[in-house]
């Protein structure tokens, strides 16, 4: 009986499977719909997140049970608690699962909603990373970024079913962080900051660096004030790009000013300065201090930075003369040389230039290096260039180690924009780094040796010139003869000498210049002759704006052997050539 019962049950089951007709039942095709992906943040907070800064590193991932995730849409906006319906957010397309987000704070505090939607592999359009995607009124690639579906935009009908319909969201409370200002390290001397020299004339450049924990791009502006920060009217607001500025006072304003004066503020370098405004209260012939402060987009201010720092001083000298004398000289007799030149300037043109302004660019420096009164190379242009332009004339004298880099930056700009230069030097080396001489002086080159000897002699050149030897005017232009100069037998310290030791190298002029001086031929016995010919030592640029003498002028005040004295030479240069 049990066997029969089991057989009956089996037959009934087969009947149900095969159907009444005795064949296999056919089911109609039913396509499986795509299942959209799901998106997840890396955090699952049970309450509101702690307040953070506006720069956040975000992570997420997506899962798709019937395929794989090929990309993501990401958007963020302040003040929302959820994705709006309809979704009016602007999304950015990406294929990565992490990003550093800079929330655009415009107030001190805000809460931003971040929304991310995963996209699965059924979406076939190849989008570039960062493509702007909008979902209303239909999914489309907003190619022109104007927030409206119009010509040139790309419709994305496949995007809707391929993306996470709900999306992952997370709210981020953000508090603005105030900006900060720091000094800038000097590239030419990384152990020091770029700070103003302790003494300047009425042109001075400042540099600083702003930063913000929320991103340096959130700095909206800077502001500066001179000496007094107590009143809002003392501050000048600057654009966020203005991290190097120059304060300048034209002579037309400073010459008639009292103890204080208004300074113009510029950004950029010569010849592309741009006006930024003015600051009041620059003290003439007195100490000064510049204050700088940054403001970010949320309105928060940085601590005030002082330039120079509290432990340093910055003294501004009021220009008083049409002539600036630059001492690029650091020998033991430097004080006597300064006194010598001051006396010579009293001896011509009624002493009009005797009370010249002076700038010692070698103070506190090793040989061949710029001194503490020279600004950093980073701000030589514009600061030093425009300092020279405070004057009609510049007399620049050097020892055997001239500061060629400083001269290169400044003298070319100065002498080609109306300034007039007398430059006197000697050269211990013929090395001309970067072609500095050709940049600022009317020279093609200088000799690789000092005064050349005869080919049969064992020396390449000499540095010895006898006393009373003449510096002879060049006679190529008979209508324009310079006064005869003579190697003085008495030094500026008052000691007698027979031979002068000096690094004289013959000059080779440029095509736009002419020779004005040569060293006389050597008249000693041929067996003792240290040099040959009449080496060229003086050049005048054709426009009469630059005189170059390759022989230190303070050696050339002798009156023996036809010497007319240095005052006669100064008369010729400053009155006849420069138009004093």
Protein backbone atom coordinates (compact mmCIF):
# COMPACT_ATOMS: atom_id res chain seq x y z
CA UNK A 1 0.00 0.00 0.00
CA UNK A 2 2.76 2.40 0.87
CA UNK A 3 4.42 1.80 -2.50
CA UNK A 4 1.19 2.52 -4.35
CA UNK A 5 0.63 5.76 -2.46
CA UNK A 6 4.11 7.00 -3.31
CA UNK A 7 3.57 6.30 -6.99
CA UNK A 8 0.28 8.20 -7.01
CA UNK A 9 1.95 11.29 -5.48
CA UNK A 10 4.77 11.16 -8.04
CA UNK A 11 2.29 11.00 -10.94
CA UNK A 12 0.38 14.02 -9.60
CA UNK A 13 3.60 16.04 -9.36
CA UNK A 14 4.59 15.21 -12.92
CA UNK A 15 1.11 16.20 -14.11
CA UNK A 16 1.49 19.60 -12.52
CA UNK A 17 4.89 20.09 -14.13
CA UNK A 18 3.94 18.92 -17.58
CA UNK A 19 0.44 20.39 -17.70
CA UNK A 20 -2.71 18.84 -18.94
CA UNK A 21 -1.40 18.58 -22.45
CA UNK A 22 1.45 16.43 -21.31
CA UNK A 23 4.14 18.97 -22.70
CA UNK A 24 6.48 21.67 -21.06
CA UNK A 25 4.84 25.02 -20.16
CA UNK A 26 6.42 28.12 -21.86
CA UNK A 27 6.82 31.34 -19.78
CA UNK A 28 6.71 34.71 -21.52
CA UNK A 29 10.09 36.68 -21.65
CA UNK A 30 10.34 39.21 -18.75
CA UNK A 31 13.47 41.51 -19.07
CA UNK A 32 15.15 42.34 -15.79
CA UNK A 33 15.28 46.14 -15.14
CA UNK A 34 18.61 47.75 -14.24
CA UNK A 35 19.06 48.18 -10.52
CA UNK A 36 20.55 51.62 -9.77
CA UNK A 37 23.75 51.76 -7.71
CA UNK A 38 24.07 52.87 -4.10
CA UNK A 39 26.48 55.45 -2.73
CA UNK A 40 28.14 55.65 0.69
CA UNK A 41 30.27 58.13 2.60
CA UNK A 42 33.22 56.91 4.61
CA UNK A 43 31.58 58.16 7.81
CA UNK A 44 28.26 57.26 9.39
CA UNK A 45 27.83 59.82 12.19
CA UNK A 46 25.01 59.36 14.66
CA UNK A 47 24.81 63.12 15.16
CA UNK A 48 26.11 66.35 13.64
CA UNK A 49 29.79 66.39 12.72
CA UNK A 50 32.16 68.56 14.70
CA UNK A 51 32.95 71.95 13.18
CA UNK A 52 35.95 71.90 10.84
CA UNK A 53 37.89 74.18 8.53
CA UNK A 54 36.75 74.92 5.00
CA UNK A 55 39.27 72.61 3.35
CA UNK A 56 38.15 69.00 3.80
CA UNK A 57 39.34 65.67 2.43
CA UNK A 58 36.28 63.59 1.46
CA UNK A 59 36.00 59.85 0.68
CA UNK A 60 33.13 57.77 -0.71
CA UNK A 61 32.38 54.63 -2.67
CA UNK A 62 29.59 53.06 -4.69
CA UNK A 63 28.14 49.58 -5.12
CA UNK A 64 26.07 48.10 -7.96
CA UNK A 65 24.54 44.63 -7.54
CA UNK A 66 23.99 43.98 -11.25
CA UNK A 67 27.09 45.64 -12.72
CA UNK A 68 29.78 48.01 -11.60
CA UNK A 69 30.18 51.70 -10.75
CA UNK A 70 31.89 53.76 -13.45
CA UNK A 71 31.70 57.30 -12.07
CA UNK A 72 30.18 59.73 -9.60
CA UNK A 73 28.34 63.03 -9.47
CA UNK A 74 29.35 65.34 -6.62
CA UNK A 75 27.82 68.63 -5.45
CA UNK A 76 27.87 70.79 -2.36
CA UNK A 77 25.89 73.82 -1.26
CA UNK A 78 25.47 75.83 1.96
CA UNK A 79 22.28 75.91 4.01
CA UNK A 80 20.61 72.72 2.66
CA UNK A 81 19.55 69.78 4.79
CA UNK A 82 18.84 67.40 1.90
CA UNK A 83 18.94 67.19 -1.88
CA UNK A 84 16.18 69.50 -3.18
CA UNK A 85 13.27 68.14 -5.22
CA UNK A 86 13.46 68.71 -8.09
CA UNK A 87 17.23 68.45 -7.88
CA UNK A 88 18.62 71.85 -8.89
CA UNK A 89 22.18 71.23 -7.71
CA UNK A 90 25.10 71.56 -10.07
CA UNK A 91 27.21 68.41 -9.96
CA UNK A 92 30.76 67.76 -11.03
CA UNK A 93 31.58 64.47 -12.72
CA UNK A 94 34.48 62.35 -11.46
CA UNK A 95 35.72 58.77 -11.51
CA UNK A 96 37.71 58.95 -8.27
CA UNK A 97 36.49 58.14 -4.76
CA UNK A 98 38.18 60.96 -2.86
CA UNK A 99 38.65 64.67 -3.24
CA UNK A 100 39.89 67.73 -1.36
CA UNK A 101 36.99 70.16 -1.22
CA UNK A 102 37.36 73.88 -0.60
CA UNK A 103 34.03 75.05 0.78
CA UNK A 104 33.50 78.67 -0.33
CA UNK A 105 32.89 80.44 2.96
CA UNK A 106 31.53 83.97 2.76
CA UNK A 107 30.68 84.19 6.46
CA UNK A 108 32.47 83.12 9.62
CA UNK A 109 30.33 79.98 9.96
CA UNK A 110 28.23 77.85 7.58
CA UNK A 111 26.92 74.29 7.16
CA UNK A 112 27.46 72.70 3.75
CA UNK A 113 25.53 69.74 2.36
CA UNK A 114 27.61 67.36 0.24
CA UNK A 115 25.68 65.09 -2.15
CA UNK A 116 27.22 62.25 -4.15
CA UNK A 117 25.48 59.96 -6.65
CA UNK A 118 27.15 56.84 -8.05
CA UNK A 119 26.68 56.04 -11.78
CA UNK A 120 26.74 52.45 -13.02
CA UNK A 121 28.07 50.93 -16.22
CA UNK A 122 24.80 51.33 -18.16
CA UNK A 123 25.67 54.97 -18.69
CA UNK A 124 27.65 55.02 -21.91
CA UNK A 125 28.57 58.69 -22.46
CA UNK A 126 32.26 59.51 -22.03
CA UNK A 127 32.39 62.62 -19.83
CA UNK A 128 35.54 64.56 -18.94
CA UNK A 129 36.44 64.83 -15.30
CA UNK A 130 34.92 67.98 -13.84
CA UNK A 131 32.11 68.17 -16.40
CA UNK A 132 29.24 70.30 -15.06
CA UNK A 133 26.12 68.13 -14.83
CA UNK A 134 22.58 69.29 -14.06
CA UNK A 135 19.51 67.10 -13.56
CA UNK A 136 16.74 69.67 -14.05
CA UNK A 137 14.71 69.97 -16.28
CA UNK A 138 16.44 66.84 -17.62
CA UNK A 139 19.90 65.34 -17.13
CA UNK A 140 22.38 67.24 -19.31
CA UNK A 141 25.99 68.27 -19.56
CA UNK A 142 26.08 72.04 -19.06
CA UNK A 143 28.96 72.60 -21.46
CA UNK A 144 28.92 76.41 -21.27
CA UNK A 145 28.26 76.46 -17.53
CA UNK A 146 25.41 78.95 -17.64
CA UNK A 147 22.92 76.77 -15.74
CA UNK A 148 20.47 76.60 -18.66
CA UNK A 149 19.96 73.82 -21.18
CA UNK A 150 20.68 75.55 -24.49
CA UNK A 151 22.72 75.30 -27.64
CA UNK A 152 25.97 73.43 -27.25
CA UNK A 153 24.85 71.52 -24.14
CA UNK A 154 24.57 67.71 -24.31
CA UNK A 155 21.44 65.83 -23.23
CA UNK A 156 22.10 62.71 -21.12
CA UNK A 157 18.92 60.58 -21.25
CA UNK A 158 20.78 57.47 -20.04
CA UNK A 159 21.98 59.17 -16.87
CA UNK A 160 18.70 59.11 -14.91
CA UNK A 161 18.25 55.32 -14.61
CA UNK A 162 22.01 54.74 -14.32
CA UNK A 163 22.56 56.87 -11.20
CA UNK A 164 21.80 56.46 -7.53
CA UNK A 165 18.26 57.82 -7.20
CA UNK A 166 18.65 58.80 -3.59
CA UNK A 167 22.33 59.71 -3.34
CA UNK A 168 24.53 59.87 -0.27
CA UNK A 169 24.48 63.11 1.69
CA UNK A 170 26.38 64.52 4.62
CA UNK A 171 26.29 67.93 6.29
CA UNK A 172 29.61 69.58 7.24
CA UNK A 173 29.64 72.46 9.77
CA UNK A 174 32.48 74.80 8.76
CA UNK A 175 34.10 77.63 10.69
CA UNK A 176 36.31 80.14 8.90
CA UNK A 177 39.98 80.33 9.90
CA UNK A 178 41.64 83.78 9.82
CA UNK A 179 44.51 84.40 7.39
CA UNK A 180 48.12 85.03 8.33
CA UNK A 181 51.00 87.09 6.93
CA UNK A 182 54.68 86.14 7.02
CA UNK A 183 57.94 87.59 5.79
CA UNK A 184 59.44 86.24 2.57
CA UNK A 185 62.84 84.58 2.55
CA UNK A 186 65.45 86.23 0.36
CA UNK A 187 66.28 83.84 -2.53
CA UNK A 188 69.81 85.24 -2.72
CA UNK A 189 70.31 84.75 1.04
CA UNK A 190 67.81 82.18 2.39
CA UNK A 191 68.95 82.79 5.96
CA UNK A 192 67.39 86.26 5.84
CA UNK A 193 63.98 87.74 5.15
CA UNK A 194 63.38 90.38 2.50
CA UNK A 195 63.16 93.51 4.63
CA UNK A 196 63.72 97.18 3.82
CA UNK A 197 67.25 98.55 4.32
CA UNK A 198 67.61 100.49 7.54
CA UNK A 199 68.00 103.74 5.55
CA UNK A 200 66.34 104.67 2.26
CA UNK A 201 65.33 107.68 0.27
CA UNK A 202 61.67 108.19 -0.66
CA UNK A 203 61.34 104.96 -2.66
CA UNK A 204 60.93 101.69 -0.78
CA UNK A 205 59.63 98.24 -1.74
CA UNK A 206 57.97 95.71 0.56
CA UNK A 207 57.23 92.02 0.10
CA UNK A 208 55.10 89.65 2.17
CA UNK A 209 53.33 86.32 1.85
CA UNK A 210 49.74 85.65 2.85
CA UNK A 211 48.30 82.26 3.74
CA UNK A 212 45.00 80.86 4.99
CA UNK A 213 44.16 77.40 6.42
CA UNK A 214 40.99 77.51 4.32
CA UNK A 215 43.08 77.98 1.17
CA UNK A 216 45.24 80.90 0.09
CA UNK A 217 42.68 81.72 -2.58
CA UNK A 218 40.26 82.76 0.18
CA UNK A 219 42.37 85.88 0.88
CA UNK A 220 40.20 88.68 -0.48
CA UNK A 221 42.47 91.67 0.10
CA UNK A 222 45.36 93.21 2.01
CA UNK A 223 45.58 96.59 3.63
CA UNK A 224 48.56 98.74 4.58
CA UNK A 225 49.14 101.75 6.81
CA UNK A 226 52.15 103.92 7.60
CA UNK A 227 53.15 104.51 11.22
CA UNK A 228 49.58 104.93 12.54
CA UNK A 229 46.88 102.23 12.41
CA UNK A 230 44.42 103.91 14.76
CA UNK A 231 42.07 105.36 12.15
CA UNK A 232 40.31 103.54 9.34
CA UNK A 233 41.30 106.36 7.00
CA UNK A 234 44.96 105.51 7.51
CA UNK A 235 44.56 102.12 5.82
CA UNK A 236 44.82 101.52 2.06
CA UNK A 237 43.09 98.38 0.74
CA UNK A 238 45.02 96.37 -1.85
CA UNK A 239 43.99 93.49 -4.13
CA UNK A 240 44.95 89.95 -3.07
CA UNK A 241 47.59 89.78 -5.80
CA UNK A 242 49.49 92.76 -4.37
CA UNK A 243 52.13 91.03 -2.23
CA UNK A 244 54.94 93.31 -3.43
CA UNK A 245 54.36 97.05 -3.32
CA UNK A 246 56.53 100.12 -3.67
CA UNK A 247 56.02 103.43 -1.89
CA UNK A 248 57.26 106.42 -3.89
CA UNK A 249 57.25 110.16 -3.32
CA UNK A 250 58.05 112.27 -6.40
CA UNK A 251 60.48 115.14 -5.96
CA UNK A 252 57.76 117.58 -6.94
CA UNK A 253 56.01 116.62 -3.69
CA UNK A 254 58.88 115.93 -1.28
CA UNK A 255 60.95 119.05 -2.12
CA UNK A 256 58.31 121.34 -0.63
CA UNK A 257 57.11 118.98 2.10
CA UNK A 258 57.56 119.40 5.83
CA UNK A 259 58.13 116.52 8.22
CA UNK A 260 55.54 114.18 6.67
CA UNK A 261 54.32 113.51 3.16
CA UNK A 262 51.84 111.32 1.28
CA UNK A 263 53.38 108.40 -0.62
CA UNK A 264 52.08 106.87 -3.83
CA UNK A 265 51.69 103.09 -3.76
CA UNK A 266 52.48 100.95 -6.80
CA UNK A 267 52.49 97.30 -7.69
CA UNK A 268 54.70 95.58 -10.25
CA UNK A 269 58.14 96.50 -11.58
CA UNK A 270 59.61 98.93 -14.09
CA UNK A 271 58.36 99.60 -16.72
CA UNK A 272 54.95 98.08 -15.87
CA UNK A 273 54.06 99.71 -12.57
CA UNK A 274 50.37 99.97 -11.72
CA UNK A 275 48.92 102.54 -9.35
CA UNK A 276 47.28 101.10 -6.22
CA UNK A 277 46.56 104.28 -4.25
CA UNK A 278 48.22 106.44 -1.61
CA UNK A 279 49.15 106.23 2.07
CA UNK A 280 49.61 109.22 4.32
CA UNK A 281 52.12 109.95 7.05
CA UNK A 282 55.54 109.06 5.61
CA UNK A 283 58.05 110.78 7.88
CA UNK A 284 60.90 112.57 6.14
CA UNK A 285 64.30 112.45 7.84
CA UNK A 286 62.76 110.21 10.46
CA UNK A 287 61.94 106.60 11.38
CA UNK A 288 59.02 104.81 9.74
CA UNK A 289 57.15 101.54 9.89
CA UNK A 290 54.70 99.90 7.48
CA UNK A 291 51.85 97.77 8.81
CA UNK A 292 50.24 95.03 6.71
CA UNK A 293 47.09 93.00 7.33
CA UNK A 294 45.19 90.37 5.30
CA UNK A 295 41.41 89.96 5.06
CA UNK A 296 39.73 86.78 3.84
CA UNK A 297 36.44 86.29 2.01
CA UNK A 298 34.62 85.78 5.30
CA UNK A 299 35.83 89.17 6.57
CA UNK A 300 38.28 87.85 9.17
CA UNK A 301 41.56 89.73 9.58
CA UNK A 302 45.08 88.43 10.14
CA UNK A 303 47.31 89.73 12.91
CA UNK A 304 49.05 92.95 11.85
CA UNK A 305 52.58 92.47 10.53
CA UNK A 306 55.17 95.24 10.88
CA UNK A 307 57.86 96.00 8.30
CA UNK A 308 60.53 96.22 9.40
CA UNK A 309 60.12 93.93 12.37
CA UNK A 310 59.91 95.43 15.84
CA UNK A 311 63.63 94.88 16.46
CA UNK A 312 64.71 96.84 13.36
CA UNK A 313 64.40 100.41 12.11
CA UNK A 314 63.75 102.07 8.76
CA UNK A 315 64.88 105.69 8.33
CA UNK A 316 63.74 107.76 5.33
CA UNK A 317 66.08 110.49 4.07
CA UNK A 318 64.57 113.40 2.20
CA UNK A 319 66.31 113.92 -1.16
CA UNK A 320 68.02 117.29 -1.18
CA UNK A 321 70.14 117.49 -4.34
CA UNK A 322 69.94 116.92 -8.09
CA UNK A 323 72.96 114.60 -7.77
CA UNK A 324 73.22 111.19 -6.09
CA UNK A 325 76.76 109.91 -5.47
CA UNK A 326 76.99 106.15 -5.03
CA UNK A 327 80.01 104.86 -3.15
CA UNK A 328 80.76 101.32 -4.32
CA UNK A 329 84.14 101.44 -2.63
CA UNK A 330 85.57 99.52 0.32
CA UNK A 331 89.30 100.10 0.49
CA UNK A 332 91.13 101.38 3.56
CA UNK A 333 91.07 104.94 2.21
CA UNK A 334 87.28 105.00 1.65
CA UNK A 335 86.70 107.90 4.05
CA UNK A 336 89.45 109.96 2.41
CA UNK A 337 87.99 109.21 -1.04
CA UNK A 338 84.56 110.42 0.09
CA UNK A 339 86.09 113.63 1.40
CA UNK A 340 88.13 114.07 -1.80
CA UNK A 341 85.06 113.92 -4.05
CA UNK A 342 83.10 116.30 -1.83
CA UNK A 343 85.92 118.86 -2.16
CA UNK A 344 86.13 118.50 -5.95
CA UNK A 345 82.39 119.11 -6.38
CA UNK A 346 82.80 122.44 -4.59
CA UNK A 347 85.32 123.55 -7.22
CA UNK A 348 83.14 123.88 -10.31
CA UNK A 349 79.79 125.35 -11.37
CA UNK A 350 79.72 127.54 -8.29
CA UNK A 351 79.43 124.47 -6.05
CA UNK A 352 75.88 123.77 -7.24
CA UNK A 353 76.33 120.04 -6.67
CA UNK A 354 78.55 120.19 -3.58
CA UNK A 355 75.76 119.23 -1.20
CA UNK A 356 74.92 116.05 -3.08
CA UNK A 357 73.10 113.10 -1.57
CA UNK A 358 75.21 110.03 -0.97
CA UNK A 359 74.49 106.31 -0.79
CA UNK A 360 77.18 103.85 0.34
CA UNK A 361 76.18 100.52 -1.19
CA UNK A 362 79.07 98.60 0.42
CA UNK A 363 78.39 99.40 4.07
CA UNK A 364 78.52 96.22 6.12
CA UNK A 365 79.44 93.90 3.26
CA UNK A 366 82.35 91.65 2.26
CA UNK A 367 84.40 92.62 -0.79
CA UNK A 368 82.41 92.50 -3.99
CA UNK A 369 79.06 92.09 -2.25
CA UNK A 370 76.24 94.57 -1.90
CA UNK A 371 75.93 96.23 1.50
CA UNK A 372 73.09 96.53 3.96
CA UNK A 373 71.74 99.68 2.31
CA UNK A 374 71.07 97.82 -0.93
CA UNK A 375 67.67 96.15 -1.21
CA UNK A 376 67.33 92.46 -1.97
CA UNK A 377 67.89 91.48 -5.59
CA UNK A 378 64.21 90.51 -5.61
CA UNK A 379 63.19 94.18 -5.33
CA UNK A 380 66.11 96.00 -6.96
CA UNK A 381 63.60 96.59 -9.68
CA UNK A 382 61.63 98.65 -8.86
CA UNK A 383 63.16 100.03 -5.66
CA UNK A 384 66.69 100.87 -6.74
CA UNK A 385 65.67 101.85 -10.26
CA UNK A 386 63.20 104.43 -8.97
CA UNK A 387 65.54 105.63 -6.24
CA UNK A 388 67.96 106.69 -8.98
CA UNK A 389 65.13 108.39 -10.83
CA UNK A 390 64.71 110.79 -7.91
CA UNK A 391 67.86 112.48 -9.27
CA UNK A 392 68.95 114.17 -12.51
CA UNK A 393 72.53 112.87 -12.21
CA UNK A 394 74.28 109.86 -10.71
CA UNK A 395 78.02 109.67 -10.03
CA UNK A 396 78.99 106.06 -9.26
CA UNK A 397 82.57 105.23 -8.19
CA UNK A 398 83.94 101.80 -7.32
CA UNK A 399 87.02 99.93 -6.20
CA UNK A 400 88.42 96.96 -8.13
CA UNK A 401 85.34 94.86 -7.23
CA UNK A 402 82.38 96.80 -8.64
CA UNK A 403 78.84 95.71 -7.75
CA UNK A 404 77.96 94.83 -11.32
CA UNK A 405 74.69 93.10 -10.52
CA UNK A 406 73.33 96.15 -8.71
CA UNK A 407 74.44 98.43 -11.52
CA UNK A 408 73.05 96.10 -14.19
CA UNK A 409 69.55 96.16 -12.70
CA UNK A 410 69.36 99.89 -12.26
CA UNK A 411 71.64 101.92 -14.50
CA UNK A 412 70.28 100.67 -17.82
CA UNK A 413 66.71 101.64 -16.89
CA UNK A 414 67.86 104.93 -15.37
CA UNK A 415 70.11 106.11 -18.21
CA UNK A 416 67.66 105.15 -20.96
CA UNK A 417 64.80 107.11 -19.39
CA UNK A 418 66.54 110.47 -19.07
CA UNK A 419 69.00 109.91 -16.22
CA UNK A 420 72.66 110.86 -16.72
CA UNK A 421 75.50 108.77 -15.32
CA UNK A 422 79.21 109.20 -14.67
CA UNK A 423 80.70 105.82 -13.76
CA UNK A 424 84.34 105.31 -12.76
CA UNK A 425 85.91 102.00 -11.85
CA UNK A 426 88.82 99.58 -12.13
CA UNK A 427 88.64 95.84 -12.72
CA UNK A 428 90.61 93.20 -10.81
CA UNK A 429 88.89 90.64 -13.04
CA UNK A 430 87.64 90.69 -16.61
CA UNK A 431 84.83 88.34 -15.67
CA UNK A 432 81.50 89.94 -16.53
CA UNK A 433 78.72 87.73 -15.12
CA UNK A 434 75.63 87.80 -17.28
CA UNK A 435 77.04 90.48 -19.58
CA UNK A 436 76.32 93.14 -16.96
CA UNK A 437 78.66 95.74 -18.44
CA UNK A 438 77.11 95.52 -21.88
CA UNK A 439 73.69 95.94 -20.27
CA UNK A 440 74.36 99.26 -18.56
CA UNK A 441 77.60 100.76 -19.92
CA UNK A 442 78.45 101.88 -23.49
CA UNK A 443 81.02 99.09 -23.75
CA UNK A 444 81.27 96.04 -25.94
CA UNK A 445 83.87 94.44 -23.65
CA UNK A 446 86.99 95.02 -21.57
CA UNK A 447 90.43 93.53 -22.12
CA UNK A 448 91.05 90.08 -20.66
CA UNK A 449 94.39 91.37 -19.30
CA UNK A 450 95.41 94.54 -17.53
CA UNK A 451 97.71 97.01 -19.33
CA UNK A 452 99.36 94.74 -21.93
CA UNK A 453 103.13 94.33 -22.12
CA UNK A 454 105.28 93.71 -25.20
CA UNK A 455 104.91 90.26 -26.68
CA UNK A 456 108.50 89.38 -25.73
CA UNK A 457 107.96 90.07 -22.01
CA UNK A 458 107.01 87.31 -19.56
CA UNK A 459 104.00 89.16 -18.10
CA UNK A 460 100.53 89.27 -19.63
CA UNK A 461 99.75 92.67 -18.21
CA UNK A 462 100.72 95.14 -15.53
CA UNK A 463 98.96 97.08 -12.80
CA UNK A 464 101.70 99.74 -12.40
CA UNK A 465 101.34 103.28 -13.78
CA UNK A 466 103.99 105.93 -12.96
CA UNK A 467 103.11 109.20 -11.27
CA UNK A 468 102.39 112.24 -13.46
CA UNK A 469 101.37 110.10 -16.43
CA UNK A 470 98.67 111.73 -18.47
CA UNK A 471 95.16 110.58 -19.27
CA UNK A 472 95.08 112.03 -22.76
CA UNK A 473 91.88 113.29 -24.41
CA UNK A 474 90.97 111.31 -27.52
CA UNK A 475 91.62 113.49 -30.55
CA UNK A 476 89.22 111.82 -32.98
CA UNK A 477 86.85 114.81 -32.59
CA UNK A 478 88.89 118.00 -32.56
CA UNK A 479 85.86 120.14 -31.71
CA UNK A 480 85.19 118.26 -28.49
CA UNK A 481 88.35 117.78 -26.47
CA UNK A 482 88.20 116.82 -22.81
CA UNK A 483 90.63 118.34 -20.25
CA UNK A 484 93.97 116.58 -19.71
CA UNK A 485 94.07 114.52 -16.53
CA UNK A 486 97.19 113.52 -14.66
CA UNK A 487 98.08 110.66 -12.30
CA UNK A 488 98.58 112.49 -9.02
CA UNK A 489 101.86 112.04 -7.19
CA UNK A 490 100.05 112.47 -3.88
CA UNK A 491 97.42 109.99 -2.69
CA UNK A 492 94.10 111.05 -1.14
CA UNK A 493 95.62 110.20 2.25
CA UNK A 494 98.43 112.72 1.61
CA UNK A 495 101.25 110.23 1.13
CA UNK A 496 103.63 110.59 -1.86
CA UNK A 497 103.93 107.89 -4.50
CA UNK A 498 106.03 107.12 -7.58
CA UNK A 499 104.06 104.20 -8.97
CA UNK A 500 100.31 103.75 -8.85
CA UNK A 501 99.04 100.20 -8.55
CA UNK A 502 95.71 100.07 -10.33
CA UNK A 503 93.71 97.45 -12.27
CA UNK A 504 93.31 99.26 -15.60
CA UNK A 505 92.01 97.24 -18.56
CA UNK A 506 91.66 98.70 -22.05
CA UNK A 507 88.04 99.36 -23.00
CA UNK A 508 86.30 98.39 -26.22
CA UNK A 509 83.39 100.73 -26.90
CA UNK A 510 79.98 99.93 -28.33
CA UNK A 511 78.93 101.21 -31.73
CA UNK A 512 76.75 103.89 -30.10
CA UNK A 513 79.66 105.47 -28.20
CA UNK A 514 82.98 107.25 -28.73
CA UNK A 515 86.32 107.26 -26.95
CA UNK A 516 87.16 110.30 -24.82
CA UNK A 517 90.37 109.23 -23.01
CA UNK A 518 93.50 107.15 -23.49
CA UNK A 519 96.42 106.46 -21.18
CA UNK A 520 99.55 108.10 -22.53
CA UNK A 521 102.19 105.97 -24.22
CA UNK A 522 104.80 104.54 -21.85
CA UNK A 523 108.00 106.65 -21.97
CA UNK A 524 110.21 104.49 -19.78
CA UNK A 525 113.13 102.49 -21.19
CA UNK A 526 111.86 99.73 -23.42
CA UNK A 527 113.43 97.02 -21.25
CA UNK A 528 111.38 98.29 -18.33
CA UNK A 529 108.22 99.12 -20.26
CA UNK A 530 105.23 97.48 -18.56
CA UNK A 531 102.69 98.30 -21.28
CA UNK A 532 102.44 99.18 -24.93
CA UNK A 533 100.35 101.56 -26.99
CA UNK A 534 97.80 104.05 -25.64
CA UNK A 535 95.05 101.97 -23.95
CA UNK A 536 91.56 103.44 -24.13
CA UNK A 537 90.16 104.26 -20.68
CA UNK A 538 87.22 106.63 -21.29
CA UNK A 539 83.98 106.31 -23.29
CA UNK A 540 81.00 108.64 -23.87
CA UNK A 541 77.67 107.33 -25.13
CA UNK A 542 76.55 109.24 -28.21
CA UNK A 543 73.39 110.57 -26.55
CA UNK A 544 75.63 112.09 -23.82
CA UNK A 545 73.76 110.32 -21.02
CA UNK A 546 76.56 107.98 -19.92
CA UNK A 547 80.28 108.61 -19.33
CA UNK A 548 82.40 105.58 -18.42
CA UNK A 549 85.98 105.93 -17.14
CA UNK A 550 87.95 102.74 -16.53
CA UNK A 551 90.43 104.51 -14.24
CA UNK A 552 89.58 105.64 -10.68
CA UNK A 553 89.04 109.38 -10.90
CA UNK A 554 90.35 110.10 -7.42
CA UNK A 555 93.84 109.20 -8.73
CA UNK A 556 93.65 111.84 -11.49
CA UNK A 557 93.79 115.24 -9.79
CA UNK A 558 97.48 115.87 -10.56
CA UNK A 559 98.49 119.27 -11.95
CA UNK A 560 102.00 118.40 -13.14
CA UNK A 561 102.72 117.55 -16.78
CA UNK A 562 99.76 119.53 -18.09
CA UNK A 563 97.11 118.07 -15.80
CA UNK A 564 94.06 120.35 -15.52
CA UNK A 565 92.60 118.76 -12.39
CA UNK A 566 89.50 116.73 -11.76
CA UNK A 567 87.24 119.76 -11.27
CA UNK A 568 87.81 120.66 -14.92
CA UNK A 569 86.70 117.16 -15.91
CA UNK A 570 83.57 117.42 -13.72
CA UNK A 571 82.82 120.80 -15.29
CA UNK A 572 83.02 119.27 -18.75
CA UNK A 573 80.83 116.25 -17.88
CA UNK A 574 78.13 117.79 -15.67
CA UNK A 575 77.82 121.19 -17.32
CA UNK A 576 78.66 120.64 -20.98
CA UNK A 577 77.53 117.03 -21.48
CA UNK A 578 74.77 116.65 -18.86
CA UNK A 579 73.41 120.19 -19.06
CA UNK A 580 73.70 121.30 -15.42
